[in-house]
């Protein structure tokens, strides 16, 4: 007799929606592709943080799942600005005041940018 025989831990995992085995389940779909740049409008602002540091913040770029699209875009922007940056709560932050440079870079990539 096994330790967990007959309990929920002994059974193979099943989908919560269709009750099929997870290997046979078809209701789990792939994540949607990212929105094209032409359909997104970016808002660029500059914020002053503690100790007098400036941060350029890009809002309005939405990705259904903040994953590879945001990471790739962040890497491109950091490289072109020569600065550090991060993704914070569905927004991109670049260290320093790079508002005009980012505006021209995003326009060249095809994004709409609010003035």
PDB file of N, CA and C in Angstrom:
ATOM      1  N   UNK A   1       0.848  -1.177   0.000  1.00  0.00           N
ATOM      2  CA  UNK A   1       0.000   0.000   0.000  1.00  0.00           C
ATOM      3  C   UNK A   1       0.899   1.247   0.000  1.00  0.00           C
ATOM      4  N   UNK A   2       0.559   2.194  -0.891  1.00  0.00           N
ATOM      5  CA  UNK A   2       1.318   3.441  -0.978  1.00  0.00           C
ATOM      6  C   UNK A   2       0.796   4.442   0.046  1.00  0.00           C
ATOM      7  N   UNK A   3       1.630   5.426   0.346  1.00  0.00           N
ATOM      8  CA  UNK A   3       1.294   6.396   1.378  1.00  0.00           C
ATOM      9  C   UNK A   3       0.059   7.222   1.009  1.00  0.00           C
ATOM     10  N   UNK A   4      -0.005   7.710  -0.271  1.00  0.00           N
ATOM     11  CA  UNK A   4      -1.109   8.575  -0.675  1.00  0.00           C
ATOM     12  C   UNK A   4      -2.113   7.851  -1.562  1.00  0.00           C
ATOM     13  N   UNK A   5      -2.183   6.548  -1.522  1.00  0.00           N
ATOM     14  CA  UNK A   5      -3.055   5.776  -2.390  1.00  0.00           C
ATOM     15  C   UNK A   5      -4.520   6.135  -2.137  1.00  0.00           C
ATOM     16  N   UNK A   6      -5.213   6.480  -3.234  1.00  0.00           N
ATOM     17  CA  UNK A   6      -6.636   6.799  -3.140  1.00  0.00           C
ATOM     18  C   UNK A   6      -6.934   8.244  -2.796  1.00  0.00           C
ATOM     19  N   UNK A   7      -5.922   9.066  -2.549  1.00  0.00           N
ATOM     20  CA  UNK A   7      -6.158  10.472  -2.249  1.00  0.00           C
ATOM     21  C   UNK A   7      -5.980  11.312  -3.508  1.00  0.00           C
ATOM     22  N   UNK A   8      -6.249  12.593  -3.407  1.00  0.00           N
ATOM     23  CA  UNK A   8      -6.107  13.485  -4.560  1.00  0.00           C
ATOM     24  C   UNK A   8      -4.654  13.603  -5.008  1.00  0.00           C
ATOM     25  N   UNK A   9      -3.701  13.310  -4.140  1.00  0.00           N
ATOM     26  CA  UNK A   9      -2.291  13.398  -4.494  1.00  0.00           C
ATOM     27  C   UNK A   9      -1.833  12.185  -5.303  1.00  0.00           C
ATOM     28  N   UNK A  10      -2.622  11.117  -5.286  1.00  0.00           N
ATOM     29  CA  UNK A  10      -2.291   9.892  -5.997  1.00  0.00           C
ATOM     30  C   UNK A  10      -2.784   9.947  -7.448  1.00  0.00           C
ATOM     31  N   UNK A  11      -3.750  10.796  -7.716  1.00  0.00           N
ATOM     32  CA  UNK A  11      -4.349  10.862  -9.045  1.00  0.00           C
ATOM     33  C   UNK A  11      -3.583  11.837  -9.932  1.00  0.00           C
ATOM     34  N   UNK A  12      -3.561  11.575 -11.274  1.00  0.00           N
ATOM     35  CA  UNK A  12      -2.887  12.525 -12.174  1.00  0.00           C
ATOM     36  C   UNK A  12      -3.647  13.846 -12.206  1.00  0.00           C
ATOM     37  N   UNK A  13      -2.944  14.968 -12.429  1.00  0.00           N
ATOM     38  CA  UNK A  13      -3.610  16.282 -12.419  1.00  0.00           C
ATOM     39  C   UNK A  13      -4.594  16.419 -13.574  1.00  0.00           C
ATOM     40  N   UNK A  14      -5.726  17.052 -13.279  1.00  0.00           N
ATOM     41  CA  UNK A  14      -6.781  17.275 -14.274  1.00  0.00           C
ATOM     42  C   UNK A  14      -7.073  18.765 -14.404  1.00  0.00           C
ATOM     43  N   UNK A  15      -7.590  19.127 -15.563  1.00  0.00           N
ATOM     44  CA  UNK A  15      -7.975  20.512 -15.823  1.00  0.00           C
ATOM     45  C   UNK A  15      -9.194  20.864 -14.975  1.00  0.00           C
ATOM     46  N   UNK A  16      -9.216  22.072 -14.419  1.00  0.00           N
ATOM     47  CA  UNK A  16     -10.348  22.490 -13.591  1.00  0.00           C
ATOM     48  C   UNK A  16     -11.586  22.805 -14.419  1.00  0.00           C
ATOM     49  N   UNK A  17     -11.395  23.165 -15.693  1.00  0.00           N
ATOM     50  CA  UNK A  17     -12.531  23.544 -16.538  1.00  0.00           C
ATOM     51  C   UNK A  17     -13.214  22.337 -17.169  1.00  0.00           C
ATOM     52  N   UNK A  18     -12.428  21.473 -17.825  1.00  0.00           N
ATOM     53  CA  UNK A  18     -13.031  20.383 -18.605  1.00  0.00           C
ATOM     54  C   UNK A  18     -12.873  19.016 -17.949  1.00  0.00           C
ATOM     55  N   UNK A  19     -12.175  18.925 -16.835  1.00  0.00           N
ATOM     56  CA  UNK A  19     -11.967  17.691 -16.089  1.00  0.00           C
ATOM     57  C   UNK A  19     -11.184  16.614 -16.848  1.00  0.00           C
ATOM     58  N   UNK A  20     -10.537  16.973 -17.966  1.00  0.00           N
ATOM     59  CA  UNK A  20      -9.669  16.045 -18.677  1.00  0.00           C
ATOM     60  C   UNK A  20      -8.281  16.079 -18.045  1.00  0.00           C
ATOM     61  N   UNK A  21      -7.475  15.056 -18.364  1.00  0.00           N
ATOM     62  CA  UNK A  21      -6.097  15.080 -17.896  1.00  0.00           C
ATOM     63  C   UNK A  21      -5.400  16.295 -18.485  1.00  0.00           C
ATOM     64  N   UNK A  22      -4.480  16.880 -17.753  1.00  0.00           N
ATOM     65  CA  UNK A  22      -3.810  18.088 -18.230  1.00  0.00           C
ATOM     66  C   UNK A  22      -3.078  17.852 -19.541  1.00  0.00           C
ATOM     67  N   UNK A  23      -2.585  16.656 -19.764  1.00  0.00           N
ATOM     68  CA  UNK A  23      -1.893  16.347 -21.019  1.00  0.00           C
ATOM     69  C   UNK A  23      -2.869  16.315 -22.204  1.00  0.00           C
ATOM     70  N   UNK A  24      -4.147  16.025 -21.948  1.00  0.00           N
ATOM     71  CA  UNK A  24      -5.151  15.923 -23.005  1.00  0.00           C
ATOM     72  C   UNK A  24      -6.010  17.188 -23.127  1.00  0.00           C
ATOM     73  N   UNK A  25      -5.864  18.107 -22.214  1.00  0.00           N
ATOM     74  CA  UNK A  25      -6.701  19.308 -22.167  1.00  0.00           C
ATOM     75  C   UNK A  25      -6.443  20.209 -23.370  1.00  0.00           C
ATOM     76  N   UNK A  26      -7.533  20.755 -23.939  1.00  0.00           N
ATOM     77  CA  UNK A  26      -7.423  21.668 -25.072  1.00  0.00           C
ATOM     78  C   UNK A  26      -7.937  23.063 -24.720  1.00  0.00           C
ATOM     79  N   UNK A  27      -8.442  23.259 -23.519  1.00  0.00           N
ATOM     80  CA  UNK A  27      -9.016  24.564 -23.174  1.00  0.00           C
ATOM     81  C   UNK A  27      -7.956  25.569 -22.740  1.00  0.00           C
ATOM     82  N   UNK A  28      -6.741  25.144 -22.467  1.00  0.00           N
ATOM     83  CA  UNK A  28      -5.660  26.071 -22.135  1.00  0.00           C
ATOM     84  C   UNK A  28      -5.049  26.534 -23.447  1.00  0.00           C
ATOM     85  N   UNK A  29      -5.237  27.820 -23.763  1.00  0.00           N
ATOM     86  CA  UNK A  29      -4.731  28.339 -25.027  1.00  0.00           C
ATOM     87  C   UNK A  29      -3.428  29.092 -24.810  1.00  0.00           C
ATOM     88  N   UNK A  30      -2.730  29.305 -25.886  1.00  0.00           N
ATOM     89  CA  UNK A  30      -1.482  30.068 -25.836  1.00  0.00           C
ATOM     90  C   UNK A  30      -1.794  31.523 -25.532  1.00  0.00           C
ATOM     91  N   UNK A  31      -0.868  32.248 -24.920  1.00  0.00           N
ATOM     92  CA  UNK A  31      -1.117  33.663 -24.642  1.00  0.00           C
ATOM     93  C   UNK A  31      -1.296  34.434 -25.949  1.00  0.00           C
ATOM     94  N   UNK A  32      -2.128  35.474 -25.924  1.00  0.00           N
ATOM     95  CA  UNK A  32      -2.364  36.227 -27.150  1.00  0.00           C
ATOM     96  C   UNK A  32      -1.096  36.946 -27.607  1.00  0.00           C
ATOM     97  N   UNK A  33      -0.955  37.143 -28.911  1.00  0.00           N
ATOM     98  CA  UNK A  33       0.227  37.868 -29.385  1.00  0.00           C
ATOM     99  C   UNK A  33       0.173  39.323 -28.927  1.00  0.00           C
ATOM    100  N   UNK A  34       1.313  39.975 -28.794  1.00  0.00           N
ATOM    101  CA  UNK A  34       1.312  41.370 -28.340  1.00  0.00           C
ATOM    102  C   UNK A  34       0.639  42.277 -29.367  1.00  0.00           C
ATOM    103  N   UNK A  35       0.092  43.371 -28.867  1.00  0.00           N
ATOM    104  CA  UNK A  35      -0.549  44.337 -29.753  1.00  0.00           C
ATOM    105  C   UNK A  35       0.502  44.971 -30.653  1.00  0.00           C
ATOM    106  N   UNK A  36       0.148  45.266 -31.901  1.00  0.00           N
ATOM    107  CA  UNK A  36       1.125  45.915 -32.776  1.00  0.00           C
ATOM    108  C   UNK A  36       1.418  47.335 -32.284  1.00  0.00           C
ATOM    109  N   UNK A  37       2.606  47.852 -32.571  1.00  0.00           N
ATOM    110  CA  UNK A  37       2.964  49.189 -32.093  1.00  0.00           C
ATOM    111  C   UNK A  37       2.006  50.277 -32.577  1.00  0.00           C
ATOM    112  N   UNK A  38       1.448  50.129 -33.768  1.00  0.00           N
ATOM    113  CA  UNK A  38       0.558  51.160 -34.304  1.00  0.00           C
ATOM    114  C   UNK A  38      -0.715  51.307 -33.476  1.00  0.00           C
ATOM    115  N   UNK A  39      -1.094  50.261 -32.735  1.00  0.00           N
ATOM    116  CA  UNK A  39      -2.321  50.289 -31.950  1.00  0.00           C
ATOM    117  C   UNK A  39      -2.096  50.759 -30.519  1.00  0.00           C
ATOM    118  N   UNK A  40      -0.877  51.132 -30.174  1.00  0.00           N
ATOM    119  CA  UNK A  40      -0.562  51.544 -28.810  1.00  0.00           C
ATOM    120  C   UNK A  40      -0.107  52.995 -28.778  1.00  0.00           C
ATOM    121  N   UNK A  41      -0.517  53.703 -27.737  1.00  0.00           N
ATOM    122  CA  UNK A  41      -0.119  55.096 -27.557  1.00  0.00           C
ATOM    123  C   UNK A  41       0.680  55.221 -26.272  1.00  0.00           C
ATOM    124  N   UNK A  42       1.886  55.704 -26.390  1.00  0.00           N
ATOM    125  CA  UNK A  42       2.767  55.853 -25.235  1.00  0.00           C
ATOM    126  C   UNK A  42       2.670  57.262 -24.669  1.00  0.00           C
ATOM    127  N   UNK A  43       2.748  57.348 -23.366  1.00  0.00           N
ATOM    128  CA  UNK A  43       2.825  58.624 -22.670  1.00  0.00           C
ATOM    129  C   UNK A  43       4.159  58.661 -21.939  1.00  0.00           C
ATOM    130  N   UNK A  44       4.972  59.662 -22.247  1.00  0.00           N
ATOM    131  CA  UNK A  44       6.307  59.756 -21.657  1.00  0.00           C
ATOM    132  C   UNK A  44       6.329  60.917 -20.674  1.00  0.00           C
ATOM    133  N   UNK A  45       6.799  60.638 -19.469  1.00  0.00           N
ATOM    134  CA  UNK A  45       6.911  61.691 -18.464  1.00  0.00           C
ATOM    135  C   UNK A  45       8.226  61.512 -17.709  1.00  0.00           C
ATOM    136  N   UNK A  46       8.617  62.561 -17.003  1.00  0.00           N
ATOM    137  CA  UNK A  46       9.839  62.529 -16.214  1.00  0.00           C
ATOM    138  C   UNK A  46       9.461  62.761 -14.756  1.00  0.00           C
ATOM    139  N   UNK A  47       9.978  61.908 -13.889  1.00  0.00           N
ATOM    140  CA  UNK A  47       9.706  62.020 -12.460  1.00  0.00           C
ATOM    141  C   UNK A  47      11.017  62.210 -11.707  1.00  0.00           C
ATOM    142  N   UNK A  48      10.950  62.990 -10.647  1.00  0.00           N
ATOM    143  CA  UNK A  48      12.116  63.180  -9.799  1.00  0.00           C
ATOM    144  C   UNK A  48      11.947  62.284  -8.580  1.00  0.00           C
ATOM    145  N   UNK A  49      12.938  61.451  -8.334  1.00  0.00           N
ATOM    146  CA  UNK A  49      12.889  60.517  -7.216  1.00  0.00           C
ATOM    147  C   UNK A  49      13.706  61.058  -6.053  1.00  0.00           C
ATOM    148  N   UNK A  50      13.733  60.290  -4.989  1.00  0.00           N
ATOM    149  CA  UNK A  50      14.498  60.740  -3.827  1.00  0.00           C
ATOM    150  C   UNK A  50      15.976  60.867  -4.180  1.00  0.00           C
ATOM    151  N   UNK A  51      16.655  61.688  -3.460  1.00  0.00           N
ATOM    152  CA  UNK A  51      18.065  62.012  -3.675  1.00  0.00           C
ATOM    153  C   UNK A  51      18.307  62.700  -5.013  1.00  0.00           C
ATOM    154  N   UNK A  52      17.275  63.316  -5.587  1.00  0.00           N
ATOM    155  CA  UNK A  52      17.435  64.118  -6.790  1.00  0.00           C
ATOM    156  C   UNK A  52      17.610  63.346  -8.087  1.00  0.00           C
ATOM    157  N   UNK A  53      17.308  62.067  -8.111  1.00  0.00           N
ATOM    158  CA  UNK A  53      17.467  61.259  -9.326  1.00  0.00           C
ATOM    159  C   UNK A  53      16.258  61.444 -10.242  1.00  0.00           C
ATOM    160  N   UNK A  54      16.520  61.517 -11.549  1.00  0.00           N
ATOM    161  CA  UNK A  54      15.460  61.653 -12.537  1.00  0.00           C
ATOM    162  C   UNK A  54      15.207  60.303 -13.201  1.00  0.00           C
ATOM    163  N   UNK A  55      13.931  60.013 -13.473  1.00  0.00           N
ATOM    164  CA  UNK A  55      13.525  58.772 -14.118  1.00  0.00           C
ATOM    165  C   UNK A  55      12.523  59.111 -15.208  1.00  0.00           C
ATOM    166  N   UNK A  56      12.738  58.589 -16.413  1.00  0.00           N
ATOM    167  CA  UNK A  56      11.797  58.765 -17.510  1.00  0.00           C
ATOM    168  C   UNK A  56      10.855  57.569 -17.496  1.00  0.00           C
ATOM    169  N   UNK A  57       9.549  57.839 -17.446  1.00  0.00           N
ATOM    170  CA  UNK A  57       8.531  56.800 -17.318  1.00  0.00           C
ATOM    171  C   UNK A  57       7.709  56.737 -18.595  1.00  0.00           C
ATOM    172  N   UNK A  58       7.529  55.525 -19.133  1.00  0.00           N
ATOM    173  CA  UNK A  58       6.719  55.311 -20.328  1.00  0.00           C
ATOM    174  C   UNK A  58       5.479  54.527 -19.910  1.00  0.00           C
ATOM    175  N   UNK A  59       4.319  55.148 -20.023  1.00  0.00           N
ATOM    176  CA  UNK A  59       3.035  54.523 -19.711  1.00  0.00           C
ATOM    177  C   UNK A  59       2.248  54.297 -20.990  1.00  0.00           C
ATOM    178  N   UNK A  60       1.224  53.467 -20.901  1.00  0.00           N
ATOM    179  CA  UNK A  60       0.296  53.311 -22.010  1.00  0.00           C
ATOM    180  C   UNK A  60       0.629  52.198 -22.972  1.00  0.00           C
ATOM    181  N   UNK A  61       1.779  51.585 -22.833  1.00  0.00           N
ATOM    182  CA  UNK A  61       2.100  50.451 -23.690  1.00  0.00           C
ATOM    183  C   UNK A  61       1.570  49.213 -23.005  1.00  0.00           C
ATOM    184  N   UNK A  62       0.556  48.610 -23.596  1.00  0.00           N
ATOM    185  CA  UNK A  62      -0.082  47.472 -22.947  1.00  0.00           C
ATOM    186  C   UNK A  62       0.268  46.195 -23.675  1.00  0.00           C
ATOM    187  N   UNK A  63       0.601  45.210 -22.885  1.00  0.00           N
ATOM    188  CA  UNK A  63       0.846  43.877 -23.387  1.00  0.00           C
ATOM    189  C   UNK A  63      -0.055  42.974 -22.560  1.00  0.00           C
ATOM    190  N   UNK A  64      -0.816  42.108 -23.189  1.00  0.00           N
ATOM    191  CA  UNK A  64      -1.719  41.238 -22.453  1.00  0.00           C
ATOM    192  C   UNK A  64      -1.023  40.486 -21.343  1.00  0.00           C
ATOM    193  N   UNK A  65       0.207  40.179 -21.531  1.00  0.00           N
ATOM    194  CA  UNK A  65       1.010  39.493 -20.538  1.00  0.00           C
ATOM    195  C   UNK A  65       2.377  40.170 -20.502  1.00  0.00           C
ATOM    196  N   UNK A  66       2.701  40.900 -19.406  1.00  0.00           N
ATOM    197  CA  UNK A  66       3.989  41.580 -19.370  1.00  0.00           C
ATOM    198  C   UNK A  66       5.120  40.579 -19.322  1.00  0.00           C
ATOM    199  N   UNK A  67       5.580  40.210 -20.447  1.00  0.00           N
ATOM    200  CA  UNK A  67       6.621  39.202 -20.494  1.00  0.00           C
ATOM    201  C   UNK A  67       7.681  39.594 -21.482  1.00  0.00           C
ATOM    202  N   UNK A  68       7.844  38.777 -22.508  1.00  0.00           N
ATOM    203  CA  UNK A  68       8.947  38.951 -23.440  1.00  0.00           C
ATOM    204  C   UNK A  68       8.864  40.264 -24.204  1.00  0.00           C
ATOM    205  N   UNK A  69       7.642  40.719 -24.571  1.00  0.00           N
ATOM    206  CA  UNK A  69       7.515  41.959 -25.344  1.00  0.00           C
ATOM    207  C   UNK A  69       8.083  43.141 -24.557  1.00  0.00           C
ATOM    208  N   UNK A  70       7.700  43.268 -23.301  1.00  0.00           N
ATOM    209  CA  UNK A  70       8.197  44.364 -22.477  1.00  0.00           C
ATOM    210  C   UNK A  70       9.698  44.238 -22.243  1.00  0.00           C
ATOM    211  N   UNK A  71      10.164  43.029 -22.017  1.00  0.00           N
ATOM    212  CA  UNK A  71      11.591  42.830 -21.745  1.00  0.00           C
ATOM    213  C   UNK A  71      12.435  43.182 -22.966  1.00  0.00           C
ATOM    214  N   UNK A  72      11.970  42.790 -24.151  1.00  0.00           N
ATOM    215  CA  UNK A  72      12.706  43.111 -25.374  1.00  0.00           C
ATOM    216  C   UNK A  72      12.708  44.619 -25.622  1.00  0.00           C
ATOM    217  N   UNK A  73      11.553  45.254 -25.438  1.00  0.00           N
ATOM    218  CA  UNK A  73      11.455  46.695 -25.632  1.00  0.00           C
ATOM    219  C   UNK A  73      12.333  47.433 -24.626  1.00  0.00           C
ATOM    220  N   UNK A  74      12.317  46.993 -23.378  1.00  0.00           N
ATOM    221  CA  UNK A  74      13.154  47.612 -22.352  1.00  0.00           C
ATOM    222  C   UNK A  74      14.627  47.502 -22.719  1.00  0.00           C
ATOM    223  N   UNK A  75      15.045  46.333 -23.183  1.00  0.00           N
ATOM    224  CA  UNK A  75      16.450  46.144 -23.553  1.00  0.00           C
ATOM    225  C   UNK A  75      16.839  47.068 -24.699  1.00  0.00           C
ATOM    226  N   UNK A  76      15.976  47.231 -25.702  1.00  0.00           N
ATOM    227  CA  UNK A  76      16.266  48.130 -26.825  1.00  0.00           C
ATOM    228  C   UNK A  76      16.388  49.578 -26.354  1.00  0.00           C
ATOM    229  N   UNK A  77      15.449  50.009 -25.524  1.00  0.00           N
ATOM    230  CA  UNK A  77      15.457  51.398 -25.057  1.00  0.00           C
ATOM    231  C   UNK A  77      16.664  51.682 -24.171  1.00  0.00           C
ATOM    232  N   UNK A  78      17.010  50.750 -23.302  1.00  0.00           N
ATOM    233  CA  UNK A  78      18.178  50.947 -22.442  1.00  0.00           C
ATOM    234  C   UNK A  78      19.451  51.035 -23.274  1.00  0.00           C
ATOM    235  N   UNK A  79      19.573  50.188 -24.284  1.00  0.00           N
ATOM    236  CA  UNK A  79      20.766  50.215 -25.133  1.00  0.00           C
ATOM    237  C   UNK A  79      20.874  51.521 -25.905  1.00  0.00           C
ATOM    238  N   UNK A  80      19.755  52.014 -26.433  1.00  0.00           N
ATOM    239  CA  UNK A  80      19.801  53.228 -27.237  1.00  0.00           C
ATOM    240  C   UNK A  80      19.987  54.477 -26.379  1.00  0.00           C
ATOM    241  N   UNK A  81      19.589  54.415 -25.115  1.00  0.00           N
ATOM    242  CA  UNK A  81      19.777  55.564 -24.231  1.00  0.00           C
ATOM    243  C   UNK A  81      21.078  55.472 -23.441  1.00  0.00           C
ATOM    244  N   UNK A  82      21.653  54.299 -23.377  1.00  0.00           N
ATOM    245  CA  UNK A  82      22.872  54.125 -22.594  1.00  0.00           C
ATOM    246  C   UNK A  82      22.621  54.293 -21.113  1.00  0.00           C
ATOM    247  N   UNK A  83      21.485  53.781 -20.648  1.00  0.00           N
ATOM    248  CA  UNK A  83      21.121  53.938 -19.244  1.00  0.00           C
ATOM    249  C   UNK A  83      20.475  52.657 -18.742  1.00  0.00           C
ATOM    250  N   UNK A  84      20.291  52.569 -17.443  1.00  0.00           N
ATOM    251  CA  UNK A  84      19.613  51.433 -16.838  1.00  0.00           C
ATOM    252  C   UNK A  84      18.113  51.651 -16.853  1.00  0.00           C
ATOM    253  N   UNK A  85      17.388  50.633 -16.496  1.00  0.00           N
ATOM    254  CA  UNK A  85      15.948  50.763 -16.454  1.00  0.00           C
ATOM    255  C   UNK A  85      15.299  49.506 -15.923  1.00  0.00           C
ATOM    256  N   UNK A  86      13.961  49.560 -15.770  1.00  0.00           N
ATOM    257  CA  UNK A  86      13.233  48.410 -15.247  1.00  0.00           C
ATOM    258  C   UNK A  86      11.775  48.495 -15.671  1.00  0.00           C
ATOM    259  N   UNK A  87      11.057  47.391 -15.422  1.00  0.00           N
ATOM    260  CA  UNK A  87       9.618  47.326 -15.661  1.00  0.00           C
ATOM    261  C   UNK A  87       8.954  47.363 -14.302  1.00  0.00           C
ATOM    262  N   UNK A  88       8.071  48.336 -14.098  1.00  0.00           N
ATOM    263  CA  UNK A  88       7.365  48.487 -12.834  1.00  0.00           C
ATOM    264  C   UNK A  88       5.874  48.642 -13.107  1.00  0.00           C
ATOM    265  N   UNK A  89       5.064  47.649 -12.739  1.00  0.00           N
ATOM    266  CA  UNK A  89       3.608  47.733 -12.814  1.00  0.00           C
ATOM    267  C   UNK A  89       3.111  48.206 -14.182  1.00  0.00           C
ATOM    268  N   UNK A  90       3.412  47.499 -15.222  1.00  0.00           N
ATOM    269  CA  UNK A  90       2.973  47.784 -16.595  1.00  0.00           C
ATOM    270  C   UNK A  90       3.477  49.128 -17.114  1.00  0.00           C
ATOM    271  N   UNK A  91       4.609  49.557 -16.645  1.00  0.00           N
ATOM    272  CA  UNK A  91       5.240  50.759 -17.194  1.00  0.00           C
ATOM    273  C   UNK A  91       6.737  50.533 -17.246  1.00  0.00           C
ATOM    274  N   UNK A  92       7.377  51.241 -18.143  1.00  0.00           N
ATOM    275  CA  UNK A  92       8.813  51.107 -18.322  1.00  0.00           C
ATOM    276  C   UNK A  92       9.485  52.340 -17.746  1.00  0.00           C
ATOM    277  N   UNK A  93      10.514  52.127 -16.933  1.00  0.00           N
ATOM    278  CA  UNK A  93      11.260  53.228 -16.329  1.00  0.00           C
ATOM    279  C   UNK A  93      12.697  53.178 -16.815  1.00  0.00           C
ATOM    280  N   UNK A  94      13.186  54.312 -17.317  1.00  0.00           N
ATOM    281  CA  UNK A  94      14.562  54.448 -17.767  1.00  0.00           C
ATOM    282  C   UNK A  94      15.229  55.487 -16.873  1.00  0.00           C
ATOM    283  N   UNK A  95      16.405  55.172 -16.363  1.00  0.00           N
ATOM    284  CA  UNK A  95      17.103  56.083 -15.472  1.00  0.00           C
ATOM    285  C   UNK A  95      17.600  57.300 -16.244  1.00  0.00           C
ATOM    286  N   UNK A  96      17.348  58.475 -15.697  1.00  0.00           N
ATOM    287  CA  UNK A  96      17.801  59.717 -16.314  1.00  0.00           C
ATOM    288  C   UNK A  96      16.676  60.409 -17.066  1.00  0.00           C
ATOM    289  N   UNK A  97      16.968  61.612 -17.548  1.00  0.00           N
ATOM    290  CA  UNK A  97      15.997  62.404 -18.293  1.00  0.00           C
ATOM    291  C   UNK A  97      16.245  62.187 -19.790  1.00  0.00           C
ATOM    292  N   UNK A  98      15.517  61.256 -20.383  1.00  0.00           N
ATOM    293  CA  UNK A  98      15.673  60.897 -21.793  1.00  0.00           C
ATOM    294  C   UNK A  98      14.359  61.077 -22.550  1.00  0.00           C
ATOM    295  N   UNK A  99      13.555  62.047 -22.159  1.00  0.00           N
ATOM    296  CA  UNK A  99      12.218  62.210 -22.702  1.00  0.00           C
ATOM    297  C   UNK A  99      12.223  62.414 -24.224  1.00  0.00           C
ATOM    298  N   UNK A 100      12.999  63.332 -24.726  1.00  0.00           N
ATOM    299  CA  UNK A 100      13.004  63.607 -26.170  1.00  0.00           C
ATOM    300  C   UNK A 100      13.617  62.450 -26.963  1.00  0.00           C
ATOM    301  N   UNK A 101      14.671  61.866 -26.445  1.00  0.00           N
ATOM    302  CA  UNK A 101      15.306  60.743 -27.126  1.00  0.00           C
ATOM    303  C   UNK A 101      14.343  59.559 -27.223  1.00  0.00           C
ATOM    304  N   UNK A 102      13.650  59.240 -26.126  1.00  0.00           N
ATOM    305  CA  UNK A 102      12.702  58.128 -26.144  1.00  0.00           C
ATOM    306  C   UNK A 102      11.516  58.417 -27.051  1.00  0.00           C
ATOM    307  N   UNK A 103      11.098  59.677 -27.107  1.00  0.00           N
ATOM    308  CA  UNK A 103       9.992  60.052 -27.985  1.00  0.00           C
ATOM    309  C   UNK A 103      10.348  59.729 -29.441  1.00  0.00           C
ATOM    310  N   UNK A 104      11.543  60.098 -29.875  1.00  0.00           N
ATOM    311  CA  UNK A 104      11.939  59.844 -31.260  1.00  0.00           C
ATOM    312  C   UNK A 104      12.175  58.349 -31.506  1.00  0.00           C
ATOM    313  N   UNK A 105      12.713  57.635 -30.529  1.00  0.00           N
ATOM    314  CA  UNK A 105      12.940  56.197 -30.690  1.00  0.00           C
ATOM    315  C   UNK A 105      11.613  55.456 -30.828  1.00  0.00           C
ATOM    316  N   UNK A 106      10.650  55.776 -29.962  1.00  0.00           N
ATOM    317  CA  UNK A 106       9.355  55.091 -30.018  1.00  0.00           C
ATOM    318  C   UNK A 106       8.602  55.422 -31.307  1.00  0.00           C
ATOM    319  N   UNK A 107       8.696  56.671 -31.770  1.00  0.00           N
ATOM    320  CA  UNK A 107       8.063  57.019 -33.041  1.00  0.00           C
ATOM    321  C   UNK A 107       8.688  56.240 -34.192  1.00  0.00           C
ATOM    322  N   UNK A 108       9.999  56.082 -34.160  1.00  0.00           N
ATOM    323  CA  UNK A 108      10.685  55.305 -35.210  1.00  0.00           C
ATOM    324  C   UNK A 108      10.276  53.837 -35.168  1.00  0.00           C
ATOM    325  N   UNK A 109       9.940  53.314 -34.000  1.00  0.00           N
ATOM    326  CA  UNK A 109       9.504  51.928 -33.880  1.00  0.00           C
ATOM    327  C   UNK A 109       8.056  51.737 -34.317  1.00  0.00           C
ATOM    328  N   UNK A 110       7.315  52.840 -34.486  1.00  0.00           N
ATOM    329  CA  UNK A 110       5.935  52.745 -34.940  1.00  0.00           C
ATOM    330  C   UNK A 110       4.885  53.031 -33.894  1.00  0.00           C
ATOM    331  N   UNK A 111       5.303  53.341 -32.669  1.00  0.00           N
ATOM    332  CA  UNK A 111       4.357  53.654 -31.609  1.00  0.00           C
ATOM    333  C   UNK A 111       3.833  55.071 -31.782  1.00  0.00           C
ATOM    334  N   UNK A 112       2.606  55.293 -31.325  1.00  0.00           N
ATOM    335  CA  UNK A 112       2.081  56.664 -31.233  1.00  0.00           C
ATOM    336  C   UNK A 112       2.550  57.224 -29.893  1.00  0.00           C
ATOM    337  N   UNK A 113       2.944  58.493 -29.890  1.00  0.00           N
ATOM    338  CA  UNK A 113       3.439  59.125 -28.669  1.00  0.00           C
ATOM    339  C   UNK A 113       2.655  60.394 -28.421  1.00  0.00           C
ATOM    340  N   UNK A 114       2.107  60.511 -27.217  1.00  0.00           N
ATOM    341  CA  UNK A 114       1.384  61.742 -26.867  1.00  0.00           C
ATOM    342  C   UNK A 114       2.366  62.860 -26.605  1.00  0.00           C
ATOM    343  N   UNK A 115       2.019  64.074 -27.047  1.00  0.00           N
ATOM    344  CA  UNK A 115       2.929  65.215 -26.821  1.00  0.00           C
ATOM    345  C   UNK A 115       2.972  65.647 -25.370  1.00  0.00           C
TER     346      UNK A 115
END
